[in-house]
PDB file of N, CA and C in Angstrom:
ATOM      1  N   MET A   1      20.370 -29.988 -19.685  1.00  0.00           N
ATOM      2  CA  MET A   1      20.879 -29.355 -18.092  1.00  0.00           C
ATOM      3  C   MET A   1      22.811 -29.151 -18.842  1.00  0.00           C
ATOM      4  N   ILE A   2      22.629 -27.809 -19.196  1.00  0.00           N
ATOM      5  CA  ILE A   2      23.536 -27.122 -19.452  1.00  0.00           C
ATOM      6  C   ILE A   2      24.249 -26.168 -18.717  1.00  0.00           C
ATOM      7  N   ARG A   3      25.423 -25.665 -18.456  1.00  0.00           N
ATOM      8  CA  ARG A   3      26.011 -24.497 -18.076  1.00  0.00           C
ATOM      9  C   ARG A   3      27.107 -23.804 -18.760  1.00  0.00           C
ATOM     10  N   TYR A   4      26.471 -22.438 -18.968  1.00  0.00           N
ATOM     11  CA  TYR A   4      27.736 -21.321 -19.530  1.00  0.00           C
ATOM     12  C   TYR A   4      28.167 -20.232 -18.893  1.00  0.00           C
ATOM     13  N   HIS A   5      29.413 -20.187 -18.800  1.00  0.00           N
ATOM     14  CA  HIS A   5      30.405 -19.130 -18.563  1.00  0.00           C
ATOM     15  C   HIS A   5      30.591 -17.731 -19.217  1.00  0.00           C
ATOM     16  N   GLY A   6      29.902 -16.120 -19.240  1.00  0.00           N
ATOM     17  CA  GLY A   6      29.946 -15.249 -19.770  1.00  0.00           C
ATOM     18  C   GLY A   6      30.693 -14.300 -19.318  1.00  0.00           C
ATOM     19  N   VAL A   7      31.025 -13.591 -20.312  1.00  0.00           N
ATOM     20  CA  VAL A   7      31.640 -12.069 -20.149  1.00  0.00           C
ATOM     21  C   VAL A   7      30.642 -10.891 -21.164  1.00  0.00           C
ATOM     22  N   VAL A   8      29.934 -10.172 -20.216  1.00  0.00           N
ATOM     23  CA  VAL A   8      29.632  -8.998 -21.384  1.00  0.00           C
ATOM     24  C   VAL A   8      30.486  -7.784 -20.855  1.00  0.00           C
ATOM     25  N   GLU A   9      30.326  -7.056 -22.085  1.00  0.00           N
ATOM     26  CA  GLU A   9      31.646  -6.139 -22.539  1.00  0.00           C
ATOM     27  C   GLU A   9      30.287  -4.847 -22.762  1.00  0.00           C
ATOM     28  N   GLY A  10      31.167  -3.460 -22.457  1.00  0.00           N
ATOM     29  CA  GLY A  10      30.401  -2.020 -22.724  1.00  0.00           C
ATOM     30  C   GLY A  10      30.296  -1.473 -21.594  1.00  0.00           C
ATOM     31  N   ARG A  11      29.043  -0.698 -21.901  1.00  0.00           N
ATOM     32  CA  ARG A  11      28.977  -0.051 -20.095  1.00  0.00           C
ATOM     33  C   ARG A  11      27.796  -0.824 -19.709  1.00  0.00           C
ATOM     34  N   VAL A  12      28.420  -1.623 -18.116  1.00  0.00           N
ATOM     35  CA  VAL A  12      27.550  -3.012 -17.401  1.00  0.00           C
ATOM     36  C   VAL A  12      27.487  -2.629 -16.491  1.00  0.00           C
ATOM     37  N   GLN A  13      28.527  -1.573 -15.771  1.00  0.00           N
ATOM     38  CA  GLN A  13      28.735  -1.095 -14.160  1.00  0.00           C
ATOM     39  C   GLN A  13      28.197   0.268 -14.163  1.00  0.00           C
ATOM     40  N   ALA A  14      27.759  -0.058 -13.277  1.00  0.00           N
ATOM     41  CA  ALA A  14      26.814   1.173 -12.628  1.00  0.00           C
ATOM     42  C   ALA A  14      25.752   1.696 -12.987  1.00  0.00           C
ATOM     43  N   VAL A  15      25.243   0.370 -13.521  1.00  0.00           N
ATOM     44  CA  VAL A  15      23.668   0.740 -14.326  1.00  0.00           C
ATOM     45  C   VAL A  15      22.753  -0.151 -13.638  1.00  0.00           C
ATOM     46  N   GLY A  16      23.269  -1.021 -12.810  1.00  0.00           N
ATOM     47  CA  GLY A  16      22.302  -2.198 -12.386  1.00  0.00           C
ATOM     48  C   GLY A  16      22.116  -3.307 -12.900  1.00  0.00           C
ATOM     49  N   TYR A  17      23.336  -3.617 -13.676  1.00  0.00           N
ATOM     50  CA  TYR A  17      23.071  -5.057 -14.413  1.00  0.00           C
ATOM     51  C   TYR A  17      23.265  -5.951 -13.968  1.00  0.00           C
ATOM     52  N   ARG A  18      23.980  -6.024 -12.900  1.00  0.00           N
ATOM     53  CA  ARG A  18      23.900  -7.016 -12.165  1.00  0.00           C
ATOM     54  C   ARG A  18      22.446  -7.717 -11.931  1.00  0.00           C
ATOM     55  N   PHE A  19      22.426  -6.444 -10.628  1.00  0.00           N
ATOM     56  CA  PHE A  19      20.994  -6.847 -10.355  1.00  0.00           C
ATOM     57  C   PHE A  19      19.689  -7.305 -11.513  1.00  0.00           C
ATOM     58  N   PHE A  20      19.742  -6.388 -12.731  1.00  0.00           N
ATOM     59  CA  PHE A  20      19.168  -7.267 -13.625  1.00  0.00           C
ATOM     60  C   PHE A  20      19.444  -8.167 -14.082  1.00  0.00           C
ATOM     61  N   THR A  21      20.212  -8.812 -14.602  1.00  0.00           N
ATOM     62  CA  THR A  21      20.792 -10.319 -14.510  1.00  0.00           C
ATOM     63  C   THR A  21      20.014 -11.030 -13.613  1.00  0.00           C
ATOM     64  N   HIS A  22      20.310 -10.904 -12.248  1.00  0.00           N
ATOM     65  CA  HIS A  22      19.845 -11.323 -10.914  1.00  0.00           C
ATOM     66  C   HIS A  22      18.028 -11.857 -11.341  1.00  0.00           C
ATOM     67  N   HIS A  23      17.465 -10.305 -11.321  1.00  0.00           N
ATOM     68  CA  HIS A  23      15.755 -11.064 -11.805  1.00  0.00           C
ATOM     69  C   HIS A  23      15.570 -11.376 -12.763  1.00  0.00           C
ATOM     70  N   HIS A  24      16.021 -11.480 -13.715  1.00  0.00           N
ATOM     71  CA  HIS A  24      15.642 -12.359 -15.111  1.00  0.00           C
ATOM     72  C   HIS A  24      16.807 -13.519 -14.960  1.00  0.00           C
ATOM     73  N   ALA A  25      17.605 -14.298 -14.492  1.00  0.00           N
ATOM     74  CA  ALA A  25      17.991 -15.457 -13.774  1.00  0.00           C
ATOM     75  C   ALA A  25      16.629 -16.258 -13.024  1.00  0.00           C
ATOM     76  N   ILE A  26      16.419 -15.448 -12.226  1.00  0.00           N
ATOM     77  CA  ILE A  26      14.993 -16.110 -11.849  1.00  0.00           C
ATOM     78  C   ILE A  26      13.916 -16.406 -12.591  1.00  0.00           C
ATOM     79  N   LYS A  27      13.968 -15.240 -13.409  1.00  0.00           N
ATOM     80  CA  LYS A  27      12.603 -15.520 -14.306  1.00  0.00           C
ATOM     81  C   LYS A  27      12.387 -16.300 -15.439  1.00  0.00           C
ATOM     82  N   HIS A  28      13.843 -17.043 -15.242  1.00  0.00           N
ATOM     83  CA  HIS A  28      14.399 -18.085 -16.618  1.00  0.00           C
ATOM     84  C   HIS A  28      14.647 -19.154 -15.979  1.00  0.00           C
ATOM     85  N   ASN A  29      14.338 -19.571 -14.163  1.00  0.00           N
ATOM     86  CA  ASN A  29      14.618 -20.453 -13.298  1.00  0.00           C
ATOM     87  C   ASN A  29      16.583 -21.330 -14.194  1.00  0.00           C
ATOM     88  N   ILE A  30      17.765 -19.766 -13.849  1.00  0.00           N
ATOM     89  CA  ILE A  30      18.638 -20.115 -14.066  1.00  0.00           C
ATOM     90  C   ILE A  30      19.203 -19.974 -12.622  1.00  0.00           C
ATOM     91  N   THR A  31      20.497 -20.389 -12.554  1.00  0.00           N
ATOM     92  CA  THR A  31      21.018 -21.016 -10.964  1.00  0.00           C
ATOM     93  C   THR A  31      22.424 -20.537 -11.988  1.00  0.00           C
ATOM     94  N   GLY A  32      23.624 -19.512 -11.014  1.00  0.00           N
ATOM     95  CA  GLY A  32      24.720 -19.456 -11.325  1.00  0.00           C
ATOM     96  C   GLY A  32      24.680 -18.602 -10.498  1.00  0.00           C
ATOM     97  N   TRP A  33      25.848 -17.227 -11.023  1.00  0.00           N
ATOM     98  CA  TRP A  33      25.980 -16.347 -10.489  1.00  0.00           C
ATOM     99  C   TRP A  33      26.794 -15.050 -11.151  1.00  0.00           C
ATOM    100  N   VAL A  34      26.517 -13.615 -10.959  1.00  0.00           N
ATOM    101  CA  VAL A  34      27.030 -12.492 -11.805  1.00  0.00           C
ATOM    102  C   VAL A  34      27.905 -11.754 -10.825  1.00  0.00           C
ATOM    103  N   ARG A  35      29.298 -11.174 -11.464  1.00  0.00           N
ATOM    104  CA  ARG A  35      29.777 -10.268 -10.811  1.00  0.00           C
ATOM    105  C   ARG A  35      30.670  -9.223 -11.603  1.00  0.00           C
ATOM    106  N   ASN A  36      31.027  -7.766 -10.834  1.00  0.00           N
ATOM    107  CA  ASN A  36      31.769  -7.183 -12.001  1.00  0.00           C
ATOM    108  C   ASN A  36      33.134  -7.310 -11.682  1.00  0.00           C
ATOM    109  N   GLN A  37      33.642  -7.328 -12.707  1.00  0.00           N
ATOM    110  CA  GLN A  37      35.160  -7.215 -13.227  1.00  0.00           C
ATOM    111  C   GLN A  37      35.958  -6.499 -12.834  1.00  0.00           C
ATOM    112  N   SER A  38      36.923  -6.015 -12.851  1.00  0.00           N
ATOM    113  CA  SER A  38      37.988  -4.737 -12.769  1.00  0.00           C
ATOM    114  C   SER A  38      38.166  -4.302 -13.728  1.00  0.00           C
ATOM    115  N   ASN A  39      38.154  -4.537 -14.651  1.00  0.00           N
ATOM    116  CA  ASN A  39      38.564  -3.870 -16.294  1.00  0.00           C
ATOM    117  C   ASN A  39      36.872  -3.208 -16.309  1.00  0.00           C
ATOM    118  N   GLY A  40      35.884  -3.198 -15.513  1.00  0.00           N
ATOM    119  CA  GLY A  40      34.970  -2.870 -16.483  1.00  0.00           C
ATOM    120  C   GLY A  40      33.887  -3.759 -17.016  1.00  0.00           C
ATOM    121  N   THR A  41      34.022  -5.121 -17.012  1.00  0.00           N
ATOM    122  CA  THR A  41      32.883  -6.004 -17.871  1.00  0.00           C
ATOM    123  C   THR A  41      32.371  -6.695 -16.792  1.00  0.00           C
ATOM    124  N   VAL A  42      31.241  -7.079 -16.973  1.00  0.00           N
ATOM    125  CA  VAL A  42      30.435  -8.056 -15.859  1.00  0.00           C
ATOM    126  C   VAL A  42      30.733  -9.377 -16.688  1.00  0.00           C
ATOM    127  N   GLU A  43      30.840 -10.334 -15.376  1.00  0.00           N
ATOM    128  CA  GLU A  43      30.745 -11.972 -15.713  1.00  0.00           C
ATOM    129  C   GLU A  43      30.019 -12.443 -15.069  1.00  0.00           C
ATOM    130  N   PHE A  44      29.749 -13.776 -15.484  1.00  0.00           N
ATOM    131  CA  PHE A  44      28.339 -14.894 -15.118  1.00  0.00           C
ATOM    132  C   PHE A  44      28.654 -16.253 -15.506  1.00  0.00           C
ATOM    133  N   GLU A  45      27.930 -17.261 -14.756  1.00  0.00           N
ATOM    134  CA  GLU A  45      27.847 -18.148 -14.778  1.00  0.00           C
ATOM    135  C   GLU A  45      26.459 -18.409 -14.808  1.00  0.00           C
ATOM    136  N   ALA A  46      25.722 -19.353 -15.689  1.00  0.00           N
ATOM    137  CA  ALA A  46      24.315 -19.522 -16.063  1.00  0.00           C
ATOM    138  C   ALA A  46      24.134 -21.418 -16.364  1.00  0.00           C
ATOM    139  N   GLN A  47      23.254 -21.681 -15.523  1.00  0.00           N
ATOM    140  CA  GLN A  47      22.851 -23.022 -15.646  1.00  0.00           C
ATOM    141  C   GLN A  47      20.823 -23.250 -15.407  1.00  0.00           C
ATOM    142  N   GLY A  48      21.235 -24.253 -16.433  1.00  0.00           N
ATOM    143  CA  GLY A  48      19.898 -24.479 -16.673  1.00  0.00           C
ATOM    144  C   GLY A  48      19.077 -25.172 -17.719  1.00  0.00           C
ATOM    145  N   THR A  49      18.112 -25.707 -18.309  1.00  0.00           N
ATOM    146  CA  THR A  49      17.861 -26.184 -19.606  1.00  0.00           C
ATOM    147  C   THR A  49      18.521 -25.481 -20.499  1.00  0.00           C
ATOM    148  N   GLU A  50      18.205 -25.896 -21.390  1.00  0.00           N
ATOM    149  CA  GLU A  50      18.825 -25.972 -22.899  1.00  0.00           C
ATOM    150  C   GLU A  50      18.376 -24.223 -23.573  1.00  0.00           C
ATOM    151  N   GLY A  51      17.101 -24.363 -23.611  1.00  0.00           N
ATOM    152  CA  GLY A  51      15.994 -23.655 -23.463  1.00  0.00           C
ATOM    153  C   GLY A  51      16.304 -21.986 -23.060  1.00  0.00           C
ATOM    154  N   ASP A  52      16.208 -22.093 -21.612  1.00  0.00           N
ATOM    155  CA  ASP A  52      16.002 -21.072 -20.999  1.00  0.00           C
ATOM    156  C   ASP A  52      17.194 -20.556 -20.404  1.00  0.00           C
ATOM    157  N   VAL A  53      18.727 -21.179 -20.637  1.00  0.00           N
ATOM    158  CA  VAL A  53      19.812 -20.549 -20.888  1.00  0.00           C
ATOM    159  C   VAL A  53      19.962 -19.833 -21.888  1.00  0.00           C
ATOM    160  N   HIS A  54      20.478 -20.057 -23.134  1.00  0.00           N
ATOM    161  CA  HIS A  54      20.197 -19.579 -24.360  1.00  0.00           C
ATOM    162  C   HIS A  54      19.075 -18.519 -24.515  1.00  0.00           C
ATOM    163  N   ALA A  55      17.513 -18.536 -23.780  1.00  0.00           N
ATOM    164  CA  ALA A  55      16.924 -17.696 -23.487  1.00  0.00           C
ATOM    165  C   ALA A  55      17.513 -16.034 -22.870  1.00  0.00           C
ATOM    166  N   PHE A  56      17.959 -16.902 -21.838  1.00  0.00           N
ATOM    167  CA  PHE A  56      18.175 -15.992 -20.992  1.00  0.00           C
ATOM    168  C   PHE A  56      19.720 -15.304 -21.579  1.00  0.00           C
ATOM    169  N   ILE A  57      20.361 -15.815 -22.105  1.00  0.00           N
ATOM    170  CA  ILE A  57      22.177 -15.288 -22.370  1.00  0.00           C
ATOM    171  C   ILE A  57      21.345 -14.339 -23.501  1.00  0.00           C
ATOM    172  N   ASP A  58      20.406 -14.561 -24.530  1.00  0.00           N
ATOM    173  CA  ASP A  58      19.728 -13.478 -25.682  1.00  0.00           C
ATOM    174  C   ASP A  58      19.026 -12.298 -24.795  1.00  0.00           C
ATOM    175  N   PHE A  59      18.491 -12.349 -23.446  1.00  0.00           N
ATOM    176  CA  PHE A  59      18.118 -11.719 -22.650  1.00  0.00           C
ATOM    177  C   PHE A  59      19.072 -10.431 -22.481  1.00  0.00           C
ATOM    178  N   LEU A  60      20.084 -10.987 -22.000  1.00  0.00           N
ATOM    179  CA  LEU A  60      20.703 -10.347 -21.326  1.00  0.00           C
ATOM    180  C   LEU A  60      21.657  -9.604 -21.970  1.00  0.00           C
ATOM    181  N   LYS A  61      21.414  -9.470 -23.380  1.00  0.00           N
ATOM    182  CA  LYS A  61      21.947  -8.723 -24.704  1.00  0.00           C
ATOM    183  C   LYS A  61      21.840  -7.211 -24.307  1.00  0.00           C
ATOM    184  N   SER A  62      20.167  -6.997 -23.693  1.00  0.00           N
ATOM    185  CA  SER A  62      19.323  -5.670 -24.262  1.00  0.00           C
ATOM    186  C   SER A  62      19.400  -4.820 -22.852  1.00  0.00           C
ATOM    187  N   GLY A  63      20.161  -5.776 -21.580  1.00  0.00           N
ATOM    188  CA  GLY A  63      20.405  -4.995 -20.586  1.00  0.00           C
ATOM    189  C   GLY A  63      19.630  -4.174 -20.127  1.00  0.00           C
ATOM    190  N   PRO A  64      19.648  -3.603 -18.575  1.00  0.00           N
ATOM    191  CA  PRO A  64      18.793  -2.687 -17.813  1.00  0.00           C
ATOM    192  C   PRO A  64      18.974  -1.026 -18.682  1.00  0.00           C
ATOM    193  N   ARG A  65      17.970  -0.334 -18.307  1.00  0.00           N
ATOM    194  CA  ARG A  65      17.955   1.318 -19.109  1.00  0.00           C
ATOM    195  C   ARG A  65      19.673   1.901 -18.274  1.00  0.00           C
ATOM    196  N   GLY A  66      20.349   2.326 -19.533  1.00  0.00           N
ATOM    197  CA  GLY A  66      21.629   2.916 -19.174  1.00  0.00           C
ATOM    198  C   GLY A  66      22.558   2.390 -19.581  1.00  0.00           C
ATOM    199  N   ALA A  67      22.315   1.004 -19.497  1.00  0.00           N
ATOM    200  CA  ALA A  67      23.526   0.031 -20.215  1.00  0.00           C
ATOM    201  C   ALA A  67      23.566   0.298 -22.041  1.00  0.00           C
ATOM    202  N   GLN A  68      24.883  -0.364 -22.250  1.00  0.00           N
ATOM    203  CA  GLN A  68      25.146  -0.387 -24.139  1.00  0.00           C
ATOM    204  C   GLN A  68      26.054  -1.313 -23.902  1.00  0.00           C
ATOM    205  N   VAL A  69      25.325  -2.864 -23.601  1.00  0.00           N
ATOM    206  CA  VAL A  69      25.897  -4.132 -24.017  1.00  0.00           C
ATOM    207  C   VAL A  69      26.540  -4.129 -25.533  1.00  0.00           C
ATOM    208  N   THR A  70      27.942  -4.160 -25.739  1.00  0.00           N
ATOM    209  CA  THR A  70      28.686  -4.320 -26.996  1.00  0.00           C
ATOM    210  C   THR A  70      28.837  -5.732 -27.226  1.00  0.00           C
ATOM    211  N   ASN A  71      29.293  -6.878 -25.938  1.00  0.00           N
ATOM    212  CA  ASN A  71      29.410  -8.079 -26.751  1.00  0.00           C
ATOM    213  C   ASN A  71      28.718  -8.976 -25.472  1.00  0.00           C
ATOM    214  N   ILE A  72      28.909 -10.130 -26.371  1.00  0.00           N
ATOM    215  CA  ILE A  72      28.957 -11.194 -24.804  1.00  0.00           C
ATOM    216  C   ILE A  72      29.266 -12.123 -25.158  1.00  0.00           C
ATOM    217  N   SER A  73      30.732 -12.712 -24.754  1.00  0.00           N
ATOM    218  CA  SER A  73      31.296 -14.340 -24.978  1.00  0.00           C
ATOM    219  C   SER A  73      31.137 -15.194 -24.045  1.00  0.00           C
ATOM    220  N   THR A  74      30.665 -16.107 -24.578  1.00  0.00           N
ATOM    221  CA  THR A  74      30.491 -17.338 -23.853  1.00  0.00           C
ATOM    222  C   THR A  74      31.173 -18.446 -24.017  1.00  0.00           C
ATOM    223  N   HIS A  75      31.637 -19.728 -23.066  1.00  0.00           N
ATOM    224  CA  HIS A  75      31.542 -21.012 -23.278  1.00  0.00           C
ATOM    225  C   HIS A  75      31.036 -21.872 -22.464  1.00  0.00           C
ATOM    226  N   GLU A  76      30.953 -23.271 -22.901  1.00  0.00           N
ATOM    227  CA  GLU A  76      30.430 -24.285 -21.814  1.00  0.00           C
ATOM    228  C   GLU A  76      31.462 -24.673 -21.163  1.00  0.00           C
ATOM    229  N   LEU A  77      30.752 -25.081 -20.157  1.00  0.00           N
ATOM    230  CA  LEU A  77      31.257 -25.586 -18.506  1.00  0.00           C
ATOM    231  C   LEU A  77      30.369 -26.995 -18.406  1.00  0.00           C
ATOM    232  N   SER A  78      30.898 -27.605 -17.290  1.00  0.00           N
ATOM    233  CA  SER A  78      30.407 -29.060 -16.810  1.00  0.00           C
ATOM    234  C   SER A  78      29.337 -28.182 -15.691  1.00  0.00           C
ATOM    235  N   VAL A  79      28.547 -29.256 -15.963  1.00  0.00           N
ATOM    236  CA  VAL A  79      27.096 -28.320 -15.118  1.00  0.00           C
ATOM    237  C   VAL A  79      27.340 -28.991 -13.861  1.00  0.00           C
ATOM    238  N   ASP A  80      27.427 -28.246 -12.598  1.00  0.00           N
ATOM    239  CA  ASP A  80      27.344 -28.570 -10.996  1.00  0.00           C
ATOM    240  C   ASP A  80      25.745 -28.848 -10.439  1.00  0.00           C
ATOM    241  N   ILE A  81      26.148 -29.815 -10.184  1.00  0.00           N
ATOM    242  CA  ILE A  81      24.626 -30.795  -9.891  1.00  0.00           C
ATOM    243  C   ILE A  81      24.429 -30.242  -8.401  1.00  0.00           C
ATOM    244  N   GLU A  82      25.269 -29.645  -7.984  1.00  0.00           N
ATOM    245  CA  GLU A  82      24.635 -28.959  -6.513  1.00  0.00           C
ATOM    246  C   GLU A  82      24.554 -27.863  -6.136  1.00  0.00           C
ATOM    247  N   GLU A  83      24.634 -26.876  -7.219  1.00  0.00           N
ATOM    248  CA  GLU A  83      24.035 -25.786  -7.459  1.00  0.00           C
ATOM    249  C   GLU A  83      22.225 -25.627  -7.601  1.00  0.00           C
ATOM    250  N   ASN A  84      21.722 -24.548  -6.501  1.00  0.00           N
ATOM    251  CA  ASN A  84      20.411 -24.536  -6.855  1.00  0.00           C
ATOM    252  C   ASN A  84      19.973 -23.334  -6.290  1.00  0.00           C
ATOM    253  N   LYS A  85      20.958 -21.851  -6.685  1.00  0.00           N
ATOM    254  CA  LYS A  85      20.382 -20.672  -6.486  1.00  0.00           C
ATOM    255  C   LYS A  85      21.199 -19.751  -7.662  1.00  0.00           C
ATOM    256  N   PHE A  86      20.632 -18.419  -7.333  1.00  0.00           N
ATOM    257  CA  PHE A  86      21.795 -18.048  -8.491  1.00  0.00           C
ATOM    258  C   PHE A  86      21.931 -16.637  -7.618  1.00  0.00           C
ATOM    259  N   ASN A  87      23.017 -16.289  -7.382  1.00  0.00           N
ATOM    260  CA  ASN A  87      23.899 -15.109  -6.782  1.00  0.00           C
ATOM    261  C   ASN A  87      24.439 -14.269  -7.457  1.00  0.00           C
ATOM    262  N   VAL A  88      24.613 -12.725  -6.706  1.00  0.00           N
ATOM    263  CA  VAL A  88      25.109 -11.474  -7.051  1.00  0.00           C
ATOM    264  C   VAL A  88      26.176 -11.470  -6.212  1.00  0.00           C
ATOM    265  N   LEU A  89      27.490 -11.647  -6.988  1.00  0.00           N
ATOM    266  CA  LEU A  89      28.405 -11.616  -5.989  1.00  0.00           C
ATOM    267  C   LEU A  89      29.606 -10.072  -5.903  1.00  0.00           C
ATOM    268  N   SER A  90      30.039  -9.745  -5.102  1.00  0.00           N
ATOM    269  CA  SER A  90      30.724  -8.407  -5.170  1.00  0.00           C
ATOM    270  C   SER A  90      32.181  -8.718  -5.602  1.00  0.00           C
TER     271      SER A  90
END
């Protein structure tokens, strides 16, 4: 089990990126959260098996129609063993 924090840059707000992220988190068995930041980026934390988390982050590079991802920066965090779902935060 691993957990990553990430920041997605580019045209990622007002294009459904958070809900795209939520849908694919569920599909990849990922727990965590996603939210918009005031600087125009999208921030997330993703937790799951190593393979699932890496596949999820790779998938986020495409984004929904209308998005244009220019960069995703990540760093590893400690696992939260209590977490059991993926949330879209405001």
